[in-house]
PDB file of all heavy atoms in Angstrom:
ATOM      1  N   GLY A   1     -14.349  10.689   5.340  1.00  0.00           N
ATOM      2  CA  GLY A   1     -15.698  10.370   5.572  1.00  0.00           C
ATOM      3  C   GLY A   1     -15.966  10.124   7.095  1.00  0.00           C
ATOM      4  O   GLY A   1     -17.035   9.494   7.479  1.00  0.00           O
ATOM      5  N   GLY A   2     -15.022  10.539   7.951  1.00  0.00           N
ATOM      6  CA  GLY A   2     -15.131  10.318   9.388  1.00  0.00           C
ATOM      7  C   GLY A   2     -13.808  10.588  10.071  1.00  0.00           C
ATOM      8  O   GLY A   2     -13.349  11.652  10.236  1.00  0.00           O
ATOM      9  N   TYR A   3     -13.250   9.490  10.481  1.00  0.00           N
ATOM     10  CA  TYR A   3     -11.915   9.580  11.146  1.00  0.00           C
ATOM     11  C   TYR A   3     -10.766   8.990  10.306  1.00  0.00           C
ATOM     12  O   TYR A   3     -10.804   7.829   9.899  1.00  0.00           O
ATOM     13  CB  TYR A   3     -12.021   8.696  12.385  1.00  0.00           C
ATOM     14  CG  TYR A   3     -13.234   9.103  13.338  1.00  0.00           C
ATOM     15  CD1 TYR A   3     -14.095   8.137  13.691  1.00  0.00           C
ATOM     16  CD2 TYR A   3     -13.462  10.408  13.563  1.00  0.00           C
ATOM     17  CE1 TYR A   3     -15.165   8.411  14.521  1.00  0.00           C
ATOM     18  CE2 TYR A   3     -14.624  10.751  14.347  1.00  0.00           C
ATOM     19  CZ  TYR A   3     -15.457   9.815  14.833  1.00  0.00           C
ATOM     20  OH  TYR A   3     -16.619  10.130  15.567  1.00  0.00           O
ATOM     21  N   PRO A   4      -9.767   9.821  10.005  1.00  0.00           N
ATOM     22  CA  PRO A   4      -8.729   9.356   8.997  1.00  0.00           C
ATOM     23  C   PRO A   4      -7.770   8.321   9.481  1.00  0.00           C
ATOM     24  O   PRO A   4      -7.299   7.583   8.665  1.00  0.00           O
ATOM     25  CB  PRO A   4      -8.015  10.717   8.673  1.00  0.00           C
ATOM     26  CG  PRO A   4      -8.203  11.628   9.946  1.00  0.00           C
ATOM     27  CD  PRO A   4      -9.591  11.253  10.381  1.00  0.00           C
ATOM     28  N   GLY A   5      -7.470   8.326  10.792  1.00  0.00           N
ATOM     29  CA  GLY A   5      -6.549   7.305  11.262  1.00  0.00           C
ATOM     30  C   GLY A   5      -5.215   7.352  10.574  1.00  0.00           C
ATOM     31  O   GLY A   5      -4.688   8.441  10.335  1.00  0.00           O
ATOM     32  N   ARG A   6      -4.625   6.110  10.200  1.00  0.00           N
ATOM     33  CA  ARG A   6      -3.252   6.135   9.683  1.00  0.00           C
ATOM     34  C   ARG A   6      -3.138   6.800   8.322  1.00  0.00           C
ATOM     35  O   ARG A   6      -2.098   7.037   7.847  1.00  0.00           O
ATOM     36  CB  ARG A   6      -2.866   4.698   9.581  1.00  0.00           C
ATOM     37  CG  ARG A   6      -2.311   4.079  10.813  1.00  0.00           C
ATOM     38  CD  ARG A   6      -0.895   4.593  11.144  1.00  0.00           C
ATOM     39  NE  ARG A   6       0.163   3.879  10.367  1.00  0.00           N
ATOM     40  CZ  ARG A   6       0.857   4.359   9.391  1.00  0.00           C
ATOM     41  NH1 ARG A   6       0.509   5.627   8.978  1.00  0.00           N
ATOM     42  NH2 ARG A   6       1.740   3.652   8.728  1.00  0.00           N
ATOM     43  N   SER A   7      -4.260   7.106   7.675  1.00  0.00           N
ATOM     44  CA  SER A   7      -4.132   7.746   6.326  1.00  0.00           C
ATOM     45  C   SER A   7      -3.650   9.237   6.432  1.00  0.00           C
ATOM     46  O   SER A   7      -3.341   9.824   5.417  1.00  0.00           O
ATOM     47  CB  SER A   7      -5.464   7.686   5.580  1.00  0.00           C
ATOM     48  OG  SER A   7      -6.432   8.503   6.172  1.00  0.00           O
ATOM     49  N   LEU A   8      -3.739   9.770   7.635  1.00  0.00           N
ATOM     50  CA  LEU A   8      -3.293  11.193   7.806  1.00  0.00           C
ATOM     51  C   LEU A   8      -1.975  11.105   8.626  1.00  0.00           C
ATOM     52  O   LEU A   8      -1.942  10.831   9.792  1.00  0.00           O
ATOM     53  CB  LEU A   8      -4.340  12.036   8.434  1.00  0.00           C
ATOM     54  CG  LEU A   8      -4.240  13.562   8.262  1.00  0.00           C
ATOM     55  CD1 LEU A   8      -5.495  14.233   8.742  1.00  0.00           C
ATOM     56  CD2 LEU A   8      -2.993  14.155   8.929  1.00  0.00           C
ATOM     57  N   GLU A   9      -0.883  11.290   7.909  1.00  0.00           N
ATOM     58  CA  GLU A   9       0.511  11.321   8.568  1.00  0.00           C
ATOM     59  C   GLU A   9       1.121  12.635   8.562  1.00  0.00           C
ATOM     60  O   GLU A   9       0.923  13.417   7.544  1.00  0.00           O
ATOM     61  CB  GLU A   9       1.403  10.306   7.873  1.00  0.00           C
ATOM     62  CG  GLU A   9       0.894   8.886   7.864  1.00  0.00           C
ATOM     63  CD  GLU A   9       1.785   7.952   6.968  1.00  0.00           C
ATOM     64  OE1 GLU A   9       2.615   8.471   6.202  1.00  0.00           O
ATOM     65  OE2 GLU A   9       1.572   6.729   7.107  1.00  0.00           O
ATOM     66  N   ILE A  10       1.914  12.958   9.538  1.00  0.00           N
ATOM     67  CA  ILE A  10       2.707  14.219   9.539  1.00  0.00           C
ATOM     68  C   ILE A  10       4.173  13.788   9.829  1.00  0.00           C
ATOM     69  O   ILE A  10       4.575  13.341  10.899  1.00  0.00           O
ATOM     70  CB  ILE A  10       2.173  15.200  10.554  1.00  0.00           C
ATOM     71  CG1 ILE A  10       0.736  15.535  10.314  1.00  0.00           C
ATOM     72  CG2 ILE A  10       3.013  16.532  10.503  1.00  0.00           C
ATOM     73  CD1 ILE A  10       0.072  16.288  11.349  1.00  0.00           C
ATOM     74  N   HIS A  11       5.023  14.086   8.834  1.00  0.00           N
ATOM     75  CA  HIS A  11       6.421  13.691   8.866  1.00  0.00           C
ATOM     76  C   HIS A  11       7.369  14.871   9.057  1.00  0.00           C
ATOM     77  O   HIS A  11       6.898  16.037   8.827  1.00  0.00           O
ATOM     78  CB  HIS A  11       6.910  12.891   7.653  1.00  0.00           C
ATOM     79  CG  HIS A  11       6.204  11.524   7.514  1.00  0.00           C
ATOM     80  ND1 HIS A  11       6.905  10.414   7.711  1.00  0.00           N
ATOM     81  CD2 HIS A  11       4.886  11.214   7.219  1.00  0.00           C
ATOM     82  CE1 HIS A  11       6.052   9.341   7.569  1.00  0.00           C
ATOM     83  NE2 HIS A  11       4.863   9.857   7.218  1.00  0.00           N
ATOM     84  N   LEU A  12       8.641  14.655   9.361  1.00  0.00           N
ATOM     85  CA  LEU A  12       9.600  15.738   9.311  1.00  0.00           C
ATOM     86  C   LEU A  12       9.730  16.235   7.883  1.00  0.00           C
ATOM     87  O   LEU A  12       9.444  15.462   6.921  1.00  0.00           O
ATOM     88  CB  LEU A  12      10.959  15.219   9.842  1.00  0.00           C
ATOM     89  CG  LEU A  12      10.976  14.732  11.183  1.00  0.00           C
ATOM     90  CD1 LEU A  12      12.488  14.280  11.578  1.00  0.00           C
ATOM     91  CD2 LEU A  12      10.463  15.668  12.251  1.00  0.00           C
ATOM     92  N   LYS A  13      10.212  17.450   7.736  1.00  0.00           N
ATOM     93  CA  LYS A  13      10.384  18.036   6.413  1.00  0.00           C
ATOM     94  C   LYS A  13      11.196  17.151   5.468  1.00  0.00           C
ATOM     95  O   LYS A  13      12.273  16.661   5.874  1.00  0.00           O
ATOM     96  CB  LYS A  13      11.004  19.435   6.552  1.00  0.00           C
ATOM     97  CG  LYS A  13      11.142  20.198   5.271  1.00  0.00           C
ATOM     98  CD  LYS A  13      11.672  21.557   5.520  1.00  0.00           C
ATOM     99  CE  LYS A  13      11.945  22.425   4.228  1.00  0.00           C
ATOM    100  NZ  LYS A  13      12.460  23.780   4.502  1.00  0.00           N
ATOM    101  N   ASN A  14      10.685  16.863   4.366  1.00  0.00           N
ATOM    102  CA  ASN A  14      11.367  16.077   3.348  1.00  0.00           C
ATOM    103  C   ASN A  14      11.452  14.612   3.499  1.00  0.00           C
ATOM    104  O   ASN A  14      12.187  13.885   2.771  1.00  0.00           O
ATOM    105  CB  ASN A  14      12.752  16.722   2.900  1.00  0.00           C
ATOM    106  CG  ASN A  14      12.645  18.047   2.378  1.00  0.00           C
ATOM    107  OD1 ASN A  14      11.580  18.462   1.762  1.00  0.00           O
ATOM    108  ND2 ASN A  14      13.683  18.895   2.494  1.00  0.00           N
ATOM    109  N   GLN A  15      10.722  14.131   4.535  1.00  0.00           N
ATOM    110  CA  GLN A  15      10.587  12.658   4.628  1.00  0.00           C
ATOM    111  C   GLN A  15       9.309  12.300   3.953  1.00  0.00           C
ATOM    112  O   GLN A  15       8.229  12.794   4.203  1.00  0.00           O
ATOM    113  CB  GLN A  15      10.561  12.257   6.108  1.00  0.00           C
ATOM    114  CG  GLN A  15      11.862  12.213   6.823  1.00  0.00           C
ATOM    115  CD  GLN A  15      12.656  10.918   6.439  1.00  0.00           C
ATOM    116  OE1 GLN A  15      12.330  10.204   5.509  1.00  0.00           O
ATOM    117  NE2 GLN A  15      13.860  10.803   6.981  1.00  0.00           N
ATOM    118  N   ALA A  16       9.432  11.403   2.989  1.00  0.00           N
ATOM    119  CA  ALA A  16       8.273  10.811   2.271  1.00  0.00           C
ATOM    120  C   ALA A  16       7.316  10.188   3.181  1.00  0.00           C
ATOM    121  O   ALA A  16       7.755   9.494   4.050  1.00  0.00           O
ATOM    122  CB  ALA A  16       8.745  10.004   1.009  1.00  0.00           C
ATOM    123  N   PRO A  17       5.998  10.238   2.875  1.00  0.00           N
ATOM    124  CA  PRO A  17       5.103   9.437   3.761  1.00  0.00           C
ATOM    125  C   PRO A  17       5.110   7.988   3.386  1.00  0.00           C
ATOM    126  O   PRO A  17       5.723   7.587   2.432  1.00  0.00           O
ATOM    127  CB  PRO A  17       3.668  10.095   3.303  1.00  0.00           C
ATOM    128  CG  PRO A  17       3.873  10.602   1.934  1.00  0.00           C
ATOM    129  CD  PRO A  17       5.405  11.069   1.924  1.00  0.00           C
ATOM    130  N   THR A  18       4.438   7.196   4.263  1.00  0.00           N
ATOM    131  CA  THR A  18       4.281   5.787   3.990  1.00  0.00           C
ATOM    132  C   THR A  18       3.281   5.484   2.964  1.00  0.00           C
ATOM    133  O   THR A  18       2.519   6.326   2.506  1.00  0.00           O
ATOM    134  CB  THR A  18       4.093   4.999   5.233  1.00  0.00           C
ATOM    135  OG1 THR A  18       2.601   5.127   5.509  1.00  0.00           O
ATOM    136  CG2 THR A  18       4.886   5.438   6.462  1.00  0.00           C
ATOM    137  N   SER A  19       3.146   4.237   2.565  1.00  0.00           N
ATOM    138  CA  SER A  19       2.175   3.859   1.574  1.00  0.00           C
ATOM    139  C   SER A  19       0.702   3.975   2.106  1.00  0.00           C
ATOM    140  O   SER A  19      -0.295   4.000   1.314  1.00  0.00           O
ATOM    141  CB  SER A  19       2.339   2.441   1.136  1.00  0.00           C
ATOM    142  OG  SER A  19       2.348   1.563   2.251  1.00  0.00           O
ATOM    143  N   LYS A  20       0.558   4.172   3.426  1.00  0.00           N
ATOM    144  CA  LYS A  20      -0.789   4.391   3.990  1.00  0.00           C
ATOM    145  C   LYS A  20      -1.369   5.711   3.964  1.00  0.00           C
ATOM    146  O   LYS A  20      -2.439   5.974   4.173  1.00  0.00           O
ATOM    147  CB  LYS A  20      -0.835   3.780   5.450  1.00  0.00           C
ATOM    148  CG  LYS A  20      -0.562   2.367   5.555  1.00  0.00           C
ATOM    149  CD  LYS A  20      -0.756   1.876   7.048  1.00  0.00           C
ATOM    150  CE  LYS A  20      -0.732   0.402   7.156  1.00  0.00           C
ATOM    151  NZ  LYS A  20      -0.961  -0.044   8.518  1.00  0.00           N
ATOM    152  N   PHE A  21      -0.458   6.706   3.569  1.00  0.00           N
ATOM    153  CA  PHE A  21      -0.797   8.106   3.505  1.00  0.00           C
ATOM    154  C   PHE A  21      -1.736   8.393   2.419  1.00  0.00           C
ATOM    155  O   PHE A  21      -1.501   7.935   1.255  1.00  0.00           O
ATOM    156  CB  PHE A  21       0.446   8.968   3.466  1.00  0.00           C
ATOM    157  CG  PHE A  21       0.155  10.475   3.222  1.00  0.00           C
ATOM    158  CD1 PHE A  21      -0.300  11.109   4.326  1.00  0.00           C
ATOM    159  CD2 PHE A  21       0.500  11.086   2.139  1.00  0.00           C
ATOM    160  CE1 PHE A  21      -0.489  12.519   4.294  1.00  0.00           C
ATOM    161  CE2 PHE A  21       0.311  12.490   1.952  1.00  0.00           C
ATOM    162  CZ  PHE A  21      -0.205  13.156   3.018  1.00  0.00           C
ATOM    163  N   ASP A  22      -2.766   9.257   2.593  1.00  0.00           N
ATOM    164  CA  ASP A  22      -3.735   9.629   1.580  1.00  0.00           C
ATOM    165  C   ASP A  22      -3.180  10.899   0.974  1.00  0.00           C
ATOM    166  O   ASP A  22      -3.309  11.998   1.609  1.00  0.00           O
ATOM    167  CB  ASP A  22      -5.133   9.810   2.149  1.00  0.00           C
ATOM    168  CG  ASP A  22      -6.158  10.088   1.156  1.00  0.00           C
ATOM    169  OD1 ASP A  22      -5.781  10.471  -0.009  1.00  0.00           O
ATOM    170  OD2 ASP A  22      -7.324   9.957   1.446  1.00  0.00           O
ATOM    171  N   SER A  23      -2.689  10.805  -0.223  1.00  0.00           N
ATOM    172  CA  SER A  23      -1.982  11.960  -0.815  1.00  0.00           C
ATOM    173  C   SER A  23      -2.946  13.125  -1.187  1.00  0.00           C
ATOM    174  O   SER A  23      -2.467  14.247  -1.519  1.00  0.00           O
ATOM    175  CB  SER A  23      -1.309  11.530  -2.162  1.00  0.00           C
ATOM    176  OG  SER A  23      -2.213  10.995  -3.058  1.00  0.00           O
ATOM    177  N   ARG A  24      -4.226  12.879  -1.054  1.00  0.00           N
ATOM    178  CA  ARG A  24      -5.192  14.015  -1.249  1.00  0.00           C
ATOM    179  C   ARG A  24      -4.997  15.187  -0.321  1.00  0.00           C
ATOM    180  O   ARG A  24      -5.350  16.268  -0.571  1.00  0.00           O
ATOM    181  CB  ARG A  24      -6.593  13.467  -1.298  1.00  0.00           C
ATOM    182  CG  ARG A  24      -6.969  12.559  -2.417  1.00  0.00           C
ATOM    183  CD  ARG A  24      -8.375  12.049  -2.261  1.00  0.00           C
ATOM    184  NE  ARG A  24      -8.582  11.322  -1.046  1.00  0.00           N
ATOM    185  CZ  ARG A  24      -9.765  11.000  -0.615  1.00  0.00           C
ATOM    186  NH1 ARG A  24     -10.916  11.341  -1.212  1.00  0.00           N
ATOM    187  NH2 ARG A  24      -9.887  10.324   0.577  1.00  0.00           N
ATOM    188  N   TYR A  25      -4.439  14.878   0.889  1.00  0.00           N
ATOM    189  CA  TYR A  25      -4.271  15.933   1.878  1.00  0.00           C
ATOM    190  C   TYR A  25      -3.374  16.949   1.350  1.00  0.00           C
ATOM    191  O   TYR A  25      -3.530  18.188   1.688  1.00  0.00           O
ATOM    192  CB  TYR A  25      -3.713  15.320   3.176  1.00  0.00           C
ATOM    193  CG  TYR A  25      -4.723  14.517   3.912  1.00  0.00           C
ATOM    194  CD1 TYR A  25      -4.650  13.203   4.004  1.00  0.00           C
ATOM    195  CD2 TYR A  25      -5.741  15.151   4.617  1.00  0.00           C
ATOM    196  CE1 TYR A  25      -5.550  12.446   4.723  1.00  0.00           C
ATOM    197  CE2 TYR A  25      -6.715  14.384   5.371  1.00  0.00           C
ATOM    198  CZ  TYR A  25      -6.639  13.048   5.274  1.00  0.00           C
ATOM    199  OH  TYR A  25      -7.474  12.311   6.021  1.00  0.00           O
ATOM    200  N   LYS A  26      -2.418  16.661   0.536  1.00  0.00           N
ATOM    201  CA  LYS A  26      -1.466  17.636  -0.058  1.00  0.00           C
ATOM    202  C   LYS A  26      -2.151  18.764  -0.806  1.00  0.00           C
ATOM    203  O   LYS A  26      -1.680  19.812  -0.836  1.00  0.00           O
ATOM    204  CB  LYS A  26      -0.399  16.977  -0.941  1.00  0.00           C
ATOM    205  CG  LYS A  26       0.579  16.112  -0.130  1.00  0.00           C
ATOM    206  CD  LYS A  26       1.624  15.615  -1.017  1.00  0.00           C
ATOM    207  CE  LYS A  26       2.731  14.874  -0.204  1.00  0.00           C
ATOM    208  NZ  LYS A  26       3.860  14.420  -1.044  1.00  0.00           N
ATOM    209  N   SER A  27      -3.211  18.436  -1.529  1.00  0.00           N
ATOM    210  CA  SER A  27      -3.877  19.447  -2.394  1.00  0.00           C
ATOM    211  C   SER A  27      -5.077  20.066  -1.687  1.00  0.00           C
ATOM    212  O   SER A  27      -5.888  20.759  -2.347  1.00  0.00           O
ATOM    213  CB  SER A  27      -4.325  18.831  -3.648  1.00  0.00           C
ATOM    214  OG  SER A  27      -5.187  17.625  -3.434  1.00  0.00           O
ATOM    215  N   ASN A  28      -5.303  19.871  -0.428  1.00  0.00           N
ATOM    216  CA  ASN A  28      -6.396  20.384   0.316  1.00  0.00           C
ATOM    217  C   ASN A  28      -5.959  21.364   1.345  1.00  0.00           C
ATOM    218  O   ASN A  28      -6.769  21.676   2.308  1.00  0.00           O
ATOM    219  CB  ASN A  28      -7.300  19.303   0.920  1.00  0.00           C
ATOM    220  CG  ASN A  28      -8.206  18.663  -0.070  1.00  0.00           C
ATOM    221  OD1 ASN A  28      -9.367  19.171  -0.148  1.00  0.00           O
ATOM    222  ND2 ASN A  28      -7.811  17.690  -0.745  1.00  0.00           N
TER     223      ASN A  28
END
């Protein structure tokens, strides 16, 4: 709804995101 901030994370391959990551990005 604006600026994602910490909810949008980009990790190295096969590193799980933190609890702050919005998993909806994976399906978009």
